[in-house]
């Protein structure tokens, strides 16, 4: 296990999220893509989660790698995501990446907004 992975262990990348990222990377035919999860101000509850695909990895990023797939978290967002699980869920309300965050004291009904 690399030093980067050891530092990143408080953040988890679920099997379903890894599988979906692999599928999307294959569809895009760009093996350099990585899933970036971030926290921004806003939303109904004060903070909101965001997801994007990124080819660039910054020196300050925390990197979680599973099965050849990389998840990137910037330094500011990481403090809000320690202990969280990045998951992918399919249900009646659609399919989406979700964050199961034990640090959130409350969440909005939309599931993408939270309070610490």
PDB file of N, CA and C in Angstrom:
ATOM      1  N   UNK A   1       0.847  -1.183   0.000  1.00  0.00           N
ATOM      2  CA  UNK A   1       0.000   0.000   0.000  1.00  0.00           C
ATOM      3  C   UNK A   1       0.887   1.240   0.000  1.00  0.00           C
ATOM      4  N   UNK A   2       0.582   2.186  -0.886  1.00  0.00           N
ATOM      5  CA  UNK A   2       1.407   3.386  -0.999  1.00  0.00           C
ATOM      6  C   UNK A   2       1.096   4.368   0.130  1.00  0.00           C
ATOM      7  N   UNK A   3       1.965   5.339   0.301  1.00  0.00           N
ATOM      8  CA  UNK A   3       1.768   6.363   1.317  1.00  0.00           C
ATOM      9  C   UNK A   3       0.480   7.136   1.044  1.00  0.00           C
ATOM     10  N   UNK A   4       0.209   7.450  -0.216  1.00  0.00           N
ATOM     11  CA  UNK A   4      -1.004   8.196  -0.559  1.00  0.00           C
ATOM     12  C   UNK A   4      -2.236   7.419  -0.140  1.00  0.00           C
ATOM     13  N   UNK A   5      -2.267   6.120  -0.417  1.00  0.00           N
ATOM     14  CA  UNK A   5      -3.420   5.314  -0.046  1.00  0.00           C
ATOM     15  C   UNK A   5      -3.563   5.237   1.472  1.00  0.00           C
ATOM     16  N   UNK A   6      -2.469   5.149   2.207  1.00  0.00           N
ATOM     17  CA  UNK A   6      -2.553   5.082   3.661  1.00  0.00           C
ATOM     18  C   UNK A   6      -3.162   6.357   4.219  1.00  0.00           C
ATOM     19  N   UNK A   7      -2.771   7.503   3.688  1.00  0.00           N
ATOM     20  CA  UNK A   7      -3.326   8.765   4.154  1.00  0.00           C
ATOM     21  C   UNK A   7      -4.808   8.853   3.832  1.00  0.00           C
ATOM     22  N   UNK A   8      -5.229   8.250   2.742  1.00  0.00           N
ATOM     23  CA  UNK A   8      -6.586   8.413   2.258  1.00  0.00           C
ATOM     24  C   UNK A   8      -7.584   7.433   2.864  1.00  0.00           C
ATOM     25  N   UNK A   9      -7.131   6.504   3.665  1.00  0.00           N
ATOM     26  CA  UNK A   9      -8.018   5.456   4.155  1.00  0.00           C
ATOM     27  C   UNK A   9      -9.261   5.965   4.890  1.00  0.00           C
ATOM     28  N   UNK A  10      -9.263   7.132   5.551  1.00  0.00           N
ATOM     29  CA  UNK A  10     -10.492   7.578   6.203  1.00  0.00           C
ATOM     30  C   UNK A  10     -11.618   7.919   5.219  1.00  0.00           C
ATOM     31  N   UNK A  11     -11.366   7.842   3.934  1.00  0.00           N
ATOM     32  CA  UNK A  11     -12.384   8.083   2.923  1.00  0.00           C
ATOM     33  C   UNK A  11     -12.535   6.803   2.113  1.00  0.00           C
ATOM     34  N   UNK A  12     -13.765   6.354   1.902  1.00  0.00           N
ATOM     35  CA  UNK A  12     -14.000   5.060   1.278  1.00  0.00           C
ATOM     36  C   UNK A  12     -14.672   5.211  -0.086  1.00  0.00           C
ATOM     37  N   UNK A  13     -14.333   4.330  -0.994  1.00  0.00           N
ATOM     38  CA  UNK A  13     -14.797   4.327  -2.383  1.00  0.00           C
ATOM     39  C   UNK A  13     -15.473   2.975  -2.579  1.00  0.00           C
ATOM     40  N   UNK A  14     -16.814   2.924  -2.622  1.00  0.00           N
ATOM     41  CA  UNK A  14     -17.547   1.662  -2.638  1.00  0.00           C
ATOM     42  C   UNK A  14     -17.341   0.877  -3.933  1.00  0.00           C
ATOM     43  N   UNK A  15     -17.635  -0.422  -3.860  1.00  0.00           N
ATOM     44  CA  UNK A  15     -17.530  -1.289  -5.034  1.00  0.00           C
ATOM     45  C   UNK A  15     -18.406  -0.789  -6.182  1.00  0.00           C
ATOM     46  N   UNK A  16     -19.630  -0.365  -5.863  1.00  0.00           N
ATOM     47  CA  UNK A  16     -20.538   0.092  -6.926  1.00  0.00           C
ATOM     48  C   UNK A  16     -20.043   1.391  -7.555  1.00  0.00           C
ATOM     49  N   UNK A  17     -19.438   2.277  -6.764  1.00  0.00           N
ATOM     50  CA  UNK A  17     -18.886   3.520  -7.314  1.00  0.00           C
ATOM     51  C   UNK A  17     -17.695   3.218  -8.209  1.00  0.00           C
ATOM     52  N   UNK A  18     -16.831   2.315  -7.775  1.00  0.00           N
ATOM     53  CA  UNK A  18     -15.670   1.930  -8.578  1.00  0.00           C
ATOM     54  C   UNK A  18     -16.128   1.343  -9.908  1.00  0.00           C
ATOM     55  N   UNK A  19     -17.108   0.445  -9.860  1.00  0.00           N
ATOM     56  CA  UNK A  19     -17.610  -0.199 -11.079  1.00  0.00           C
ATOM     57  C   UNK A  19     -18.215   0.825 -12.042  1.00  0.00           C
ATOM     58  N   UNK A  20     -18.969   1.799 -11.517  1.00  0.00           N
ATOM     59  CA  UNK A  20     -19.592   2.805 -12.378  1.00  0.00           C
ATOM     60  C   UNK A  20     -18.537   3.719 -12.995  1.00  0.00           C
ATOM     61  N   UNK A  21     -17.538   4.121 -12.217  1.00  0.00           N
ATOM     62  CA  UNK A  21     -16.476   4.969 -12.755  1.00  0.00           C
ATOM     63  C   UNK A  21     -15.740   4.226 -13.863  1.00  0.00           C
ATOM     64  N   UNK A  22     -15.431   2.942 -13.644  1.00  0.00           N
ATOM     65  CA  UNK A  22     -14.778   2.138 -14.685  1.00  0.00           C
ATOM     66  C   UNK A  22     -15.611   2.130 -15.964  1.00  0.00           C
ATOM     67  N   UNK A  23     -16.909   1.920 -15.810  1.00  0.00           N
ATOM     68  CA  UNK A  23     -17.823   1.884 -16.960  1.00  0.00           C
ATOM     69  C   UNK A  23     -17.820   3.218 -17.709  1.00  0.00           C
ATOM     70  N   UNK A  24     -17.886   4.318 -16.980  1.00  0.00           N
ATOM     71  CA  UNK A  24     -17.909   5.643 -17.611  1.00  0.00           C
ATOM     72  C   UNK A  24     -16.587   5.968 -18.297  1.00  0.00           C
ATOM     73  N   UNK A  25     -15.480   5.567 -17.685  1.00  0.00           N
ATOM     74  CA  UNK A  25     -14.167   5.793 -18.304  1.00  0.00           C
ATOM     75  C   UNK A  25     -14.058   5.009 -19.607  1.00  0.00           C
ATOM     76  N   UNK A  26     -14.552   3.773 -19.598  1.00  0.00           N
ATOM     77  CA  UNK A  26     -14.527   2.959 -20.824  1.00  0.00           C
ATOM     78  C   UNK A  26     -15.384   3.583 -21.917  1.00  0.00           C
ATOM     79  N   UNK A  27     -16.557   4.109 -21.544  1.00  0.00           N
ATOM     80  CA  UNK A  27     -17.439   4.769 -22.510  1.00  0.00           C
ATOM     81  C   UNK A  27     -16.769   5.987 -23.133  1.00  0.00           C
ATOM     82  N   UNK A  28     -16.031   6.736 -22.313  1.00  0.00           N
ATOM     83  CA  UNK A  28     -15.340   7.940 -22.790  1.00  0.00           C
ATOM     84  C   UNK A  28     -14.051   7.609 -23.534  1.00  0.00           C
ATOM     85  N   UNK A  29     -13.599   6.369 -23.408  1.00  0.00           N
ATOM     86  CA  UNK A  29     -12.352   5.915 -24.024  1.00  0.00           C
ATOM     87  C   UNK A  29     -11.173   6.807 -23.639  1.00  0.00           C
ATOM     88  N   UNK A  30     -11.144   7.171 -22.343  1.00  0.00           N
ATOM     89  CA  UNK A  30     -10.078   8.025 -21.814  1.00  0.00           C
ATOM     90  C   UNK A  30      -9.605   7.455 -20.477  1.00  0.00           C
ATOM     91  N   UNK A  31      -8.604   6.575 -20.488  1.00  0.00           N
ATOM     92  CA  UNK A  31      -8.141   5.957 -19.246  1.00  0.00           C
ATOM     93  C   UNK A  31      -7.506   6.940 -18.262  1.00  0.00           C
ATOM     94  N   UNK A  32      -7.273   8.179 -18.665  1.00  0.00           N
ATOM     95  CA  UNK A  32      -6.693   9.185 -17.777  1.00  0.00           C
ATOM     96  C   UNK A  32      -7.706   9.887 -16.891  1.00  0.00           C
ATOM     97  N   UNK A  33      -9.002   9.581 -17.056  1.00  0.00           N
ATOM     98  CA  UNK A  33     -10.024  10.245 -16.248  1.00  0.00           C
ATOM     99  C   UNK A  33     -10.039   9.712 -14.821  1.00  0.00           C
ATOM    100  N   UNK A  34     -10.323  10.629 -13.892  1.00  0.00           N
ATOM    101  CA  UNK A  34     -10.444  10.304 -12.476  1.00  0.00           C
ATOM    102  C   UNK A  34     -11.723  10.975 -11.970  1.00  0.00           C
ATOM    103  N   UNK A  35     -12.390  10.360 -10.995  1.00  0.00           N
ATOM    104  CA  UNK A  35     -13.575  10.972 -10.401  1.00  0.00           C
ATOM    105  C   UNK A  35     -13.132  11.926  -9.301  1.00  0.00           C
ATOM    106  N   UNK A  36     -13.580  13.176  -9.396  1.00  0.00           N
ATOM    107  CA  UNK A  36     -13.270  14.172  -8.368  1.00  0.00           C
ATOM    108  C   UNK A  36     -14.548  14.427  -7.579  1.00  0.00           C
ATOM    109  N   UNK A  37     -14.439  14.336  -6.263  1.00  0.00           N
ATOM    110  CA  UNK A  37     -15.551  14.702  -5.385  1.00  0.00           C
ATOM    111  C   UNK A  37     -15.116  15.934  -4.610  1.00  0.00           C
ATOM    112  N   UNK A  38     -16.043  16.887  -4.471  1.00  0.00           N
ATOM    113  CA  UNK A  38     -15.685  18.137  -3.803  1.00  0.00           C
ATOM    114  C   UNK A  38     -16.877  18.674  -3.023  1.00  0.00           C
ATOM    115  N   UNK A  39     -16.580  19.602  -2.132  1.00  0.00           N
ATOM    116  CA  UNK A  39     -17.585  20.264  -1.313  1.00  0.00           C
ATOM    117  C   UNK A  39     -17.517  21.747  -1.627  1.00  0.00           C
ATOM    118  N   UNK A  40     -18.692  22.337  -1.842  1.00  0.00           N
ATOM    119  CA  UNK A  40     -18.765  23.782  -2.071  1.00  0.00           C
ATOM    120  C   UNK A  40     -19.818  24.370  -1.142  1.00  0.00           C
ATOM    121  N   UNK A  41     -19.741  25.680  -0.930  1.00  0.00           N
ATOM    122  CA  UNK A  41     -20.765  26.359  -0.167  1.00  0.00           C
ATOM    123  C   UNK A  41     -22.018  26.466  -1.009  1.00  0.00           C
ATOM    124  N   UNK A  42     -23.169  26.398  -0.345  1.00  0.00           N
ATOM    125  CA  UNK A  42     -24.432  26.538  -1.064  1.00  0.00           C
ATOM    126  C   UNK A  42     -25.372  25.397  -0.751  1.00  0.00           C
ATOM    127  N   UNK A  43     -26.382  25.277  -1.557  1.00  0.00           N
ATOM    128  CA  UNK A  43     -27.378  24.242  -1.326  1.00  0.00           C
ATOM    129  C   UNK A  43     -28.332  24.649  -0.225  1.00  0.00           C
ATOM    130  N   UNK A  44     -29.286  23.812   0.060  1.00  0.00           N
ATOM    131  CA  UNK A  44     -30.320  24.100   1.055  1.00  0.00           C
ATOM    132  C   UNK A  44     -29.772  24.138   2.478  1.00  0.00           C
ATOM    133  N   UNK A  45     -28.686  23.392   2.721  1.00  0.00           N
ATOM    134  CA  UNK A  45     -28.205  23.221   4.090  1.00  0.00           C
ATOM    135  C   UNK A  45     -26.846  23.850   4.375  1.00  0.00           C
ATOM    136  N   UNK A  46     -26.293  24.599   3.441  1.00  0.00           N
ATOM    137  CA  UNK A  46     -25.024  25.281   3.701  1.00  0.00           C
ATOM    138  C   UNK A  46     -23.856  24.788   2.882  1.00  0.00           C
ATOM    139  N   UNK A  47     -23.750  23.472   2.680  1.00  0.00           N
ATOM    140  CA  UNK A  47     -22.698  22.875   1.862  1.00  0.00           C
ATOM    141  C   UNK A  47     -23.354  21.918   0.875  1.00  0.00           C
ATOM    142  N   UNK A  48     -22.689  21.716  -0.243  1.00  0.00           N
ATOM    143  CA  UNK A  48     -23.187  20.711  -1.173  1.00  0.00           C
ATOM    144  C   UNK A  48     -22.035  19.932  -1.785  1.00  0.00           C
ATOM    145  N   UNK A  49     -22.344  18.691  -2.168  1.00  0.00           N
ATOM    146  CA  UNK A  49     -21.369  17.820  -2.798  1.00  0.00           C
ATOM    147  C   UNK A  49     -21.386  18.029  -4.294  1.00  0.00           C
ATOM    148  N   UNK A  50     -20.231  17.844  -4.903  1.00  0.00           N
ATOM    149  CA  UNK A  50     -20.147  17.896  -6.354  1.00  0.00           C
ATOM    150  C   UNK A  50     -19.263  16.764  -6.849  1.00  0.00           C
ATOM    151  N   UNK A  51     -19.523  16.337  -8.076  1.00  0.00           N
ATOM    152  CA  UNK A  51     -18.750  15.283  -8.719  1.00  0.00           C
ATOM    153  C   UNK A  51     -18.409  15.727 -10.123  1.00  0.00           C
ATOM    154  N   UNK A  52     -17.198  15.433 -10.552  1.00  0.00           N
ATOM    155  CA  UNK A  52     -16.809  15.716 -11.932  1.00  0.00           C
ATOM    156  C   UNK A  52     -15.712  14.738 -12.326  1.00  0.00           C
ATOM    157  N   UNK A  53     -15.515  14.611 -13.626  1.00  0.00           N
ATOM    158  CA  UNK A  53     -14.384  13.822 -14.104  1.00  0.00           C
ATOM    159  C   UNK A  53     -13.259  14.787 -14.417  1.00  0.00           C
ATOM    160  N   UNK A  54     -12.054  14.394 -14.077  1.00  0.00           N
ATOM    161  CA  UNK A  54     -10.895  15.270 -14.209  1.00  0.00           C
ATOM    162  C   UNK A  54      -9.721  14.450 -14.720  1.00  0.00           C
ATOM    163  N   UNK A  55      -8.977  15.012 -15.649  1.00  0.00           N
ATOM    164  CA  UNK A  55      -7.745  14.366 -16.103  1.00  0.00           C
ATOM    165  C   UNK A  55      -6.554  14.795 -15.271  1.00  0.00           C
ATOM    166  N   UNK A  56      -6.688  15.940 -14.594  1.00  0.00           N
ATOM    167  CA  UNK A  56      -5.565  16.520 -13.850  1.00  0.00           C
ATOM    168  C   UNK A  56      -5.638  16.181 -12.371  1.00  0.00           C
ATOM    169  N   UNK A  57      -4.516  15.811 -11.828  1.00  0.00           N
ATOM    170  CA  UNK A  57      -4.381  15.526 -10.409  1.00  0.00           C
ATOM    171  C   UNK A  57      -3.434  16.561  -9.820  1.00  0.00           C
ATOM    172  N   UNK A  58      -3.907  17.334  -8.837  1.00  0.00           N
ATOM    173  CA  UNK A  58      -3.090  18.356  -8.196  1.00  0.00           C
ATOM    174  C   UNK A  58      -2.234  17.740  -7.095  1.00  0.00           C
ATOM    175  N   UNK A  59      -1.128  18.390  -6.787  1.00  0.00           N
ATOM    176  CA  UNK A  59      -0.218  17.899  -5.742  1.00  0.00           C
ATOM    177  C   UNK A  59      -0.910  17.802  -4.384  1.00  0.00           C
ATOM    178  N   UNK A  60      -1.870  18.687  -4.112  1.00  0.00           N
ATOM    179  CA  UNK A  60      -2.554  18.708  -2.823  1.00  0.00           C
ATOM    180  C   UNK A  60      -3.709  17.719  -2.737  1.00  0.00           C
ATOM    181  N   UNK A  61      -4.083  17.094  -3.843  1.00  0.00           N
ATOM    182  CA  UNK A  61      -5.210  16.165  -3.846  1.00  0.00           C
ATOM    183  C   UNK A  61      -4.911  14.918  -3.015  1.00  0.00           C
ATOM    184  N   UNK A  62      -5.916  14.455  -2.300  1.00  0.00           N
ATOM    185  CA  UNK A  62      -5.871  13.128  -1.705  1.00  0.00           C
ATOM    186  C   UNK A  62      -6.372  12.179  -2.778  1.00  0.00           C
ATOM    187  N   UNK A  63      -5.686  11.059  -2.946  1.00  0.00           N
ATOM    188  CA  UNK A  63      -6.021  10.098  -3.995  1.00  0.00           C
ATOM    189  C   UNK A  63      -6.387   8.771  -3.361  1.00  0.00           C
ATOM    190  N   UNK A  64      -7.552   8.262  -3.697  1.00  0.00           N
ATOM    191  CA  UNK A  64      -7.954   6.926  -3.284  1.00  0.00           C
ATOM    192  C   UNK A  64      -8.011   6.113  -4.568  1.00  0.00           C
ATOM    193  N   UNK A  65      -7.257   5.012  -4.610  1.00  0.00           N
ATOM    194  CA  UNK A  65      -7.232   4.190  -5.810  1.00  0.00           C
ATOM    195  C   UNK A  65      -7.710   2.794  -5.473  1.00  0.00           C
ATOM    196  N   UNK A  66      -8.685   2.324  -6.228  1.00  0.00           N
ATOM    197  CA  UNK A  66      -9.192   0.957  -6.088  1.00  0.00           C
ATOM    198  C   UNK A  66      -9.367   0.366  -7.465  1.00  0.00           C
ATOM    199  N   UNK A  67      -8.843  -0.805  -7.664  1.00  0.00           N
ATOM    200  CA  UNK A  67      -9.012  -1.543  -8.921  1.00  0.00           C
ATOM    201  C   UNK A  67      -8.662  -0.700 -10.145  1.00  0.00           C
ATOM    202  N   UNK A  68      -7.620   0.135 -10.006  1.00  0.00           N
ATOM    203  CA  UNK A  68      -7.167   0.941 -11.130  1.00  0.00           C
ATOM    204  C   UNK A  68      -7.956   2.221 -11.358  1.00  0.00           C
ATOM    205  N   UNK A  69      -8.935   2.510 -10.499  1.00  0.00           N
ATOM    206  CA  UNK A  69      -9.756   3.718 -10.625  1.00  0.00           C
ATOM    207  C   UNK A  69      -9.345   4.679  -9.519  1.00  0.00           C
ATOM    208  N   UNK A  70      -9.190   5.961  -9.876  1.00  0.00           N
ATOM    209  CA  UNK A  70      -8.769   6.963  -8.891  1.00  0.00           C
ATOM    210  C   UNK A  70      -9.899   7.928  -8.556  1.00  0.00           C
ATOM    211  N   UNK A  71     -10.022   8.200  -7.257  1.00  0.00           N
ATOM    212  CA  UNK A  71     -10.927   9.195  -6.722  1.00  0.00           C
ATOM    213  C   UNK A  71     -10.052  10.316  -6.185  1.00  0.00           C
ATOM    214  N   UNK A  72     -10.329  11.555  -6.580  1.00  0.00           N
ATOM    215  CA  UNK A  72      -9.561  12.717  -6.137  1.00  0.00           C
ATOM    216  C   UNK A  72     -10.401  13.589  -5.215  1.00  0.00           C
ATOM    217  N   UNK A  73      -9.770  14.094  -4.151  1.00  0.00           N
ATOM    218  CA  UNK A  73     -10.435  15.023  -3.241  1.00  0.00           C
ATOM    219  C   UNK A  73      -9.459  16.149  -2.953  1.00  0.00           C
ATOM    220  N   UNK A  74      -9.886  17.387  -3.198  1.00  0.00           N
ATOM    221  CA  UNK A  74      -8.999  18.524  -2.929  1.00  0.00           C
ATOM    222  C   UNK A  74      -8.845  18.722  -1.419  1.00  0.00           C
ATOM    223  N   UNK A  75      -7.803  19.446  -1.062  1.00  0.00           N
ATOM    224  CA  UNK A  75      -7.434  19.623   0.340  1.00  0.00           C
ATOM    225  C   UNK A  75      -8.556  20.244   1.175  1.00  0.00           C
ATOM    226  N   UNK A  76      -9.248  21.255   0.670  1.00  0.00           N
ATOM    227  CA  UNK A  76     -10.313  21.910   1.414  1.00  0.00           C
ATOM    228  C   UNK A  76     -11.490  20.959   1.633  1.00  0.00           C
ATOM    229  N   UNK A  77     -11.874  20.221   0.600  1.00  0.00           N
ATOM    230  CA  UNK A  77     -13.026  19.320   0.699  1.00  0.00           C
ATOM    231  C   UNK A  77     -12.753  18.129   1.607  1.00  0.00           C
ATOM    232  N   UNK A  78     -11.514  17.683   1.641  1.00  0.00           N
ATOM    233  CA  UNK A  78     -11.164  16.475   2.395  1.00  0.00           C
ATOM    234  C   UNK A  78     -11.576  16.575   3.857  1.00  0.00           C
ATOM    235  N   UNK A  79     -11.383  17.754   4.466  1.00  0.00           N
ATOM    236  CA  UNK A  79     -11.705  17.915   5.884  1.00  0.00           C
ATOM    237  C   UNK A  79     -13.184  17.656   6.170  1.00  0.00           C
ATOM    238  N   UNK A  80     -14.061  17.892   5.189  1.00  0.00           N
ATOM    239  CA  UNK A  80     -15.492  17.658   5.363  1.00  0.00           C
ATOM    240  C   UNK A  80     -15.895  16.222   5.026  1.00  0.00           C
ATOM    241  N   UNK A  81     -14.987  15.490   4.402  1.00  0.00           N
ATOM    242  CA  UNK A  81     -15.315  14.155   3.904  1.00  0.00           C
ATOM    243  C   UNK A  81     -14.624  13.011   4.655  1.00  0.00           C
ATOM    244  N   UNK A  82     -13.819  13.319   5.663  1.00  0.00           N
ATOM    245  CA  UNK A  82     -13.121  12.272   6.412  1.00  0.00           C
ATOM    246  C   UNK A  82     -14.165  11.316   7.003  1.00  0.00           C
ATOM    247  N   UNK A  83     -13.995  10.035   6.732  1.00  0.00           N
ATOM    248  CA  UNK A  83     -14.912   9.015   7.235  1.00  0.00           C
ATOM    249  C   UNK A  83     -16.092   8.739   6.324  1.00  0.00           C
ATOM    250  N   UNK A  84     -16.215   9.498   5.249  1.00  0.00           N
ATOM    251  CA  UNK A  84     -17.357   9.342   4.337  1.00  0.00           C
ATOM    252  C   UNK A  84     -17.129   8.198   3.351  1.00  0.00           C
ATOM    253  N   UNK A  85     -18.227   7.713   2.791  1.00  0.00           N
ATOM    254  CA  UNK A  85     -18.189   6.704   1.737  1.00  0.00           C
ATOM    255  C   UNK A  85     -18.768   7.315   0.472  1.00  0.00           C
ATOM    256  N   UNK A  86     -18.019   7.206  -0.625  1.00  0.00           N
ATOM    257  CA  UNK A  86     -18.505   7.635  -1.933  1.00  0.00           C
ATOM    258  C   UNK A  86     -19.123   6.393  -2.558  1.00  0.00           C
ATOM    259  N   UNK A  87     -20.399   6.479  -2.888  1.00  0.00           N
ATOM    260  CA  UNK A  87     -21.144   5.322  -3.375  1.00  0.00           C
ATOM    261  C   UNK A  87     -21.865   5.691  -4.673  1.00  0.00           C
ATOM    262  N   UNK A  88     -22.339   4.664  -5.357  1.00  0.00           N
ATOM    263  CA  UNK A  88     -23.170   4.866  -6.541  1.00  0.00           C
ATOM    264  C   UNK A  88     -24.433   4.061  -6.318  1.00  0.00           C
ATOM    265  N   UNK A  89     -25.590   4.717  -6.445  1.00  0.00           N
ATOM    266  CA  UNK A  89     -26.855   4.050  -6.186  1.00  0.00           C
ATOM    267  C   UNK A  89     -27.796   4.212  -7.357  1.00  0.00           C
ATOM    268  N   UNK A  90     -28.531   3.141  -7.622  1.00  0.00           N
ATOM    269  CA  UNK A  90     -29.577   3.161  -8.634  1.00  0.00           C
ATOM    270  C   UNK A  90     -30.886   2.870  -7.923  1.00  0.00           C
ATOM    271  N   UNK A  91     -31.881   3.720  -8.174  1.00  0.00           N
ATOM    272  CA  UNK A  91     -33.171   3.534  -7.513  1.00  0.00           C
ATOM    273  C   UNK A  91     -34.283   4.186  -8.292  1.00  0.00           C
ATOM    274  N   UNK A  92     -35.440   4.284  -7.661  1.00  0.00           N
ATOM    275  CA  UNK A  92     -36.613   4.862  -8.304  1.00  0.00           C
ATOM    276  C   UNK A  92     -36.421   6.324  -8.664  1.00  0.00           C
ATOM    277  N   UNK A  93     -35.582   7.018  -7.911  1.00  0.00           N
ATOM    278  CA  UNK A  93     -35.341   8.441  -8.158  1.00  0.00           C
ATOM    279  C   UNK A  93     -34.187   8.668  -9.113  1.00  0.00           C
ATOM    280  N   UNK A  94     -33.698   7.607  -9.737  1.00  0.00           N
ATOM    281  CA  UNK A  94     -32.616   7.738 -10.697  1.00  0.00           C
ATOM    282  C   UNK A  94     -31.324   7.147 -10.169  1.00  0.00           C
ATOM    283  N   UNK A  95     -30.284   7.325 -10.939  1.00  0.00           N
ATOM    284  CA  UNK A  95     -28.965   6.806 -10.599  1.00  0.00           C
ATOM    285  C   UNK A  95     -28.030   7.966 -10.339  1.00  0.00           C
ATOM    286  N   UNK A  96     -27.218   7.836  -9.278  1.00  0.00           N
ATOM    287  CA  UNK A  96     -26.317   8.937  -8.952  1.00  0.00           C
ATOM    288  C   UNK A  96     -25.217   8.501  -8.004  1.00  0.00           C
ATOM    289  N   UNK A  97     -24.136   9.274  -8.022  1.00  0.00           N
ATOM    290  CA  UNK A  97     -23.106   9.130  -7.007  1.00  0.00           C
ATOM    291  C   UNK A  97     -23.629   9.826  -5.756  1.00  0.00           C
ATOM    292  N   UNK A  98     -23.413   9.219  -4.613  1.00  0.00           N
ATOM    293  CA  UNK A  98     -23.861   9.801  -3.349  1.00  0.00           C
ATOM    294  C   UNK A  98     -22.732   9.737  -2.332  1.00  0.00           C
ATOM    295  N   UNK A  99     -22.811  10.614  -1.334  1.00  0.00           N
ATOM    296  CA  UNK A  99     -21.843  10.643  -0.247  1.00  0.00           C
ATOM    297  C   UNK A  99     -22.580  10.274   1.033  1.00  0.00           C
ATOM    298  N   UNK A 100     -22.104   9.240   1.683  1.00  0.00           N
ATOM    299  CA  UNK A 100     -22.629   8.867   3.000  1.00  0.00           C
ATOM    300  C   UNK A 100     -21.632   9.424   4.000  1.00  0.00           C
ATOM    301  N   UNK A 101     -21.995  10.560   4.610  1.00  0.00           N
ATOM    302  CA  UNK A 101     -21.047  11.332   5.407  1.00  0.00           C
ATOM    303  C   UNK A 101     -21.437  11.339   6.882  1.00  0.00           C
ATOM    304  N   UNK A 102     -20.643  10.684   7.737  1.00  0.00           N
ATOM    305  CA  UNK A 102     -20.962  10.673   9.167  1.00  0.00           C
ATOM    306  C   UNK A 102     -20.746  12.034   9.838  1.00  0.00           C
ATOM    307  N   UNK A 103     -20.076  12.960   9.169  1.00  0.00           N
ATOM    308  CA  UNK A 103     -19.818  14.289   9.727  1.00  0.00           C
ATOM    309  C   UNK A 103     -21.010  15.228   9.567  1.00  0.00           C
ATOM    310  N   UNK A 104     -21.917  14.911   8.669  1.00  0.00           N
ATOM    311  CA  UNK A 104     -23.066  15.784   8.398  1.00  0.00           C
ATOM    312  C   UNK A 104     -24.063  15.676   9.547  1.00  0.00           C
ATOM    313  N   UNK A 105     -24.403  16.818  10.143  1.00  0.00           N
ATOM    314  CA  UNK A 105     -25.377  16.810  11.245  1.00  0.00           C
ATOM    315  C   UNK A 105     -26.796  16.813  10.717  1.00  0.00           C
ATOM    316  N   UNK A 106     -26.982  17.313   9.498  1.00  0.00           N
ATOM    317  CA  UNK A 106     -28.285  17.237   8.846  1.00  0.00           C
ATOM    318  C   UNK A 106     -28.071  17.291   7.340  1.00  0.00           C
ATOM    319  N   UNK A 107     -29.028  16.741   6.618  1.00  0.00           N
ATOM    320  CA  UNK A 107     -28.964  16.749   5.160  1.00  0.00           C
ATOM    321  C   UNK A 107     -30.294  17.229   4.623  1.00  0.00           C
ATOM    322  N   UNK A 108     -30.259  17.677   3.395  1.00  0.00           N
ATOM    323  CA  UNK A 108     -31.459  18.140   2.720  1.00  0.00           C
ATOM    324  C   UNK A 108     -32.127  16.944   2.040  1.00  0.00           C
ATOM    325  N   UNK A 109     -33.385  17.069   1.713  1.00  0.00           N
ATOM    326  CA  UNK A 109     -34.106  16.001   1.024  1.00  0.00           C
ATOM    327  C   UNK A 109     -33.506  15.633  -0.313  1.00  0.00           C
ATOM    328  N   UNK A 110     -32.783  16.569  -0.928  1.00  0.00           N
ATOM    329  CA  UNK A 110     -32.172  16.298  -2.232  1.00  0.00           C
ATOM    330  C   UNK A 110     -30.978  15.349  -2.114  1.00  0.00           C
ATOM    331  N   UNK A 111     -30.403  15.231  -0.907  1.00  0.00           N
ATOM    332  CA  UNK A 111     -29.291  14.321  -0.692  1.00  0.00           C
ATOM    333  C   UNK A 111     -27.932  14.871  -1.083  1.00  0.00           C
ATOM    334  N   UNK A 112     -27.891  16.054  -1.697  1.00  0.00           N
ATOM    335  CA  UNK A 112     -26.601  16.594  -2.102  1.00  0.00           C
ATOM    336  C   UNK A 112     -26.196  17.813  -1.274  1.00  0.00           C
ATOM    337  N   UNK A 113     -27.002  18.162  -0.288  1.00  0.00           N
ATOM    338  CA  UNK A 113     -26.726  19.320   0.539  1.00  0.00           C
ATOM    339  C   UNK A 113     -26.681  18.873   2.002  1.00  0.00           C
ATOM    340  N   UNK A 114     -25.766  19.486   2.784  1.00  0.00           N
ATOM    341  CA  UNK A 114     -25.621  19.046   4.172  1.00  0.00           C
ATOM    342  C   UNK A 114     -25.113  20.168   5.069  1.00  0.00           C
ATOM    343  N   UNK A 115     -25.228  19.945   6.370  1.00  0.00           N
ATOM    344  CA  UNK A 115     -24.725  20.858   7.399  1.00  0.00           C
ATOM    345  C   UNK A 115     -23.758  20.098   8.285  1.00  0.00           C
ATOM    346  N   UNK A 116     -22.713  20.785   8.728  1.00  0.00           N
ATOM    347  CA  UNK A 116     -21.752  20.173   9.648  1.00  0.00           C
ATOM    348  C   UNK A 116     -21.930  20.829  11.003  1.00  0.00           C
TER     349      UNK A 116
END
